[in-house]
């Protein structure tokens, strides 16, 4: 992606980002706005917060060896994080997590409630 160097380039890149965000895999500025993304970007839906948090726990465990920080790799910390995610979802909150991976990569994972979403009640749940 080209780097914007002047005001005109910055404005043009902003216009492009606004036009593309709904169809790209780049995380939106608000977690609830994932509900506007196409169904192809949905990796799963769950009726219960615990099931969603278990999916997250499995995903984080799979990525843990690639986390750049040893702190983030700690299995006790990941178990605690999974439990706290269950509680947050049960309370109607969304979860958005990010981890730096080795080789200058970044893992972004979001779990979004939609029955309805507390932050954006006008947004519908994704359909398959």
Protein backbone atom coordinates (compact mmCIF):
# COMPACT_ATOMS: atom_id res chain seq x y z
CA UNK A 1 0.00 0.00 0.00
CA UNK A 2 1.47 3.39 -0.91
CA UNK A 3 2.33 5.77 1.89
CA UNK A 4 0.44 9.06 1.91
CA UNK A 5 2.86 11.99 1.84
CA UNK A 6 0.74 15.12 1.56
CA UNK A 7 -2.75 16.40 2.43
CA UNK A 8 -4.19 15.34 -0.94
CA UNK A 9 -2.78 11.81 -0.61
CA UNK A 10 -4.06 11.55 2.97
CA UNK A 11 -7.56 12.60 1.90
CA UNK A 12 -7.52 10.17 -1.02
CA UNK A 13 -6.43 7.27 1.21
CA UNK A 14 -9.15 8.18 3.71
CA UNK A 15 -11.76 8.10 0.92
CA UNK A 16 -10.47 4.69 -0.19
CA UNK A 17 -10.53 3.31 3.36
CA UNK A 18 -14.10 4.53 3.90
CA UNK A 19 -15.18 2.87 0.65
CA UNK A 20 -13.36 -0.44 1.34
CA UNK A 21 -13.75 -1.15 5.06
CA UNK A 22 -17.01 -3.06 4.81
CA UNK A 23 -15.59 -5.62 2.39
CA UNK A 24 -12.00 -5.88 3.66
CA UNK A 25 -10.79 -8.00 6.58
CA UNK A 26 -9.44 -4.91 8.35
CA UNK A 27 -11.10 -4.50 11.76
CA UNK A 28 -13.62 -1.66 11.91
CA UNK A 29 -13.14 1.28 14.25
CA UNK A 30 -16.01 -0.01 16.44
CA UNK A 31 -16.29 -3.69 17.31
CA UNK A 32 -20.06 -3.69 16.70
CA UNK A 33 -19.47 -2.64 13.10
CA UNK A 34 -18.26 -6.17 12.32
CA UNK A 35 -22.01 -6.83 11.99
CA UNK A 36 -21.92 -4.83 8.74
CA UNK A 37 -19.25 -7.04 7.18
CA UNK A 38 -20.22 -9.69 4.62
CA UNK A 39 -21.21 -13.14 5.95
CA UNK A 40 -18.07 -14.61 4.38
CA UNK A 41 -16.06 -12.91 7.12
CA UNK A 42 -18.05 -14.55 9.93
CA UNK A 43 -16.14 -17.53 11.33
CA UNK A 44 -18.92 -18.75 13.57
CA UNK A 45 -22.08 -17.97 15.49
CA UNK A 46 -23.04 -19.26 18.91
CA UNK A 47 -26.18 -19.12 21.01
CA UNK A 48 -24.29 -19.26 24.30
CA UNK A 49 -21.42 -17.04 25.51
CA UNK A 50 -19.50 -20.03 26.87
CA UNK A 51 -19.41 -21.72 23.45
CA UNK A 52 -18.13 -18.52 21.80
CA UNK A 53 -15.46 -18.12 24.49
CA UNK A 54 -14.42 -21.78 24.06
CA UNK A 55 -13.93 -21.13 20.31
CA UNK A 56 -11.81 -18.13 21.20
CA UNK A 57 -9.78 -20.19 23.68
CA UNK A 58 -9.06 -22.83 21.05
CA UNK A 59 -8.04 -20.15 18.54
CA UNK A 60 -5.75 -18.37 21.01
CA UNK A 61 -4.16 -21.67 22.09
CA UNK A 62 -3.43 -22.46 18.45
CA UNK A 63 -1.78 -19.07 17.93
CA UNK A 64 -0.01 -18.93 21.32
CA UNK A 65 3.33 -20.34 20.09
CA UNK A 66 3.44 -17.52 17.52
CA UNK A 67 2.71 -14.69 19.98
CA UNK A 68 5.60 -12.22 20.10
CA UNK A 69 5.25 -11.79 23.87
CA UNK A 70 5.98 -14.61 26.30
CA UNK A 71 3.38 -13.02 28.59
CA UNK A 72 0.69 -13.58 25.96
CA UNK A 73 1.77 -17.22 25.52
CA UNK A 74 1.10 -18.08 29.16
CA UNK A 75 -1.61 -20.78 29.25
CA UNK A 76 -2.91 -19.66 32.66
CA UNK A 77 -3.39 -16.15 31.32
CA UNK A 78 -5.17 -17.49 28.22
CA UNK A 79 -7.53 -19.57 30.42
CA UNK A 80 -8.30 -16.50 32.54
CA UNK A 81 -8.89 -14.45 29.40
CA UNK A 82 -11.33 -17.06 28.08
CA UNK A 83 -13.27 -17.00 31.36
CA UNK A 84 -13.45 -13.21 31.36
CA UNK A 85 -14.67 -13.25 27.76
CA UNK A 86 -17.53 -15.55 28.77
CA UNK A 87 -18.55 -13.06 31.47
CA UNK A 88 -18.33 -10.08 29.14
CA UNK A 89 -20.44 -11.75 26.44
CA UNK A 90 -22.99 -12.91 29.03
CA UNK A 91 -23.37 -9.27 30.05
CA UNK A 92 -24.07 -8.26 26.45
CA UNK A 93 -20.65 -6.78 25.76
CA UNK A 94 -18.48 -7.23 22.71
CA UNK A 95 -14.89 -8.47 22.81
CA UNK A 96 -12.07 -7.28 20.60
CA UNK A 97 -8.56 -8.64 21.13
CA UNK A 98 -5.29 -8.10 19.38
CA UNK A 99 -1.92 -9.82 19.67
CA UNK A 100 1.40 -9.14 18.03
CA UNK A 101 2.78 -12.24 16.39
CA UNK A 102 6.34 -12.96 15.41
CA UNK A 103 7.44 -11.77 11.96
CA UNK A 104 5.69 -8.41 12.39
CA UNK A 105 2.17 -9.81 12.06
CA UNK A 106 -0.92 -8.96 14.11
CA UNK A 107 -3.83 -11.21 15.10
CA UNK A 108 -7.16 -9.46 15.56
CA UNK A 109 -10.14 -11.42 16.92
CA UNK A 110 -13.59 -10.07 17.76
CA UNK A 111 -16.71 -11.59 19.28
CA UNK A 112 -19.78 -9.45 18.72
CA UNK A 113 -23.16 -9.82 20.40
CA UNK A 114 -26.20 -9.31 18.23
CA UNK A 115 -29.37 -10.05 20.09
CA UNK A 116 -29.36 -7.01 19.78
CA UNK A 117 -25.92 -5.45 20.07
CA UNK A 118 -25.78 -3.17 23.10
CA UNK A 119 -23.69 -0.46 21.38
CA UNK A 120 -25.49 -0.63 18.02
CA UNK A 121 -28.99 -2.12 18.53
CA UNK A 122 -30.01 -1.18 14.99
CA UNK A 123 -27.53 -3.69 13.51
CA UNK A 124 -28.79 -7.18 12.72
CA UNK A 125 -27.11 -10.50 13.34
CA UNK A 126 -25.24 -11.92 10.35
CA UNK A 127 -27.08 -14.34 8.09
CA UNK A 128 -25.43 -17.28 6.41
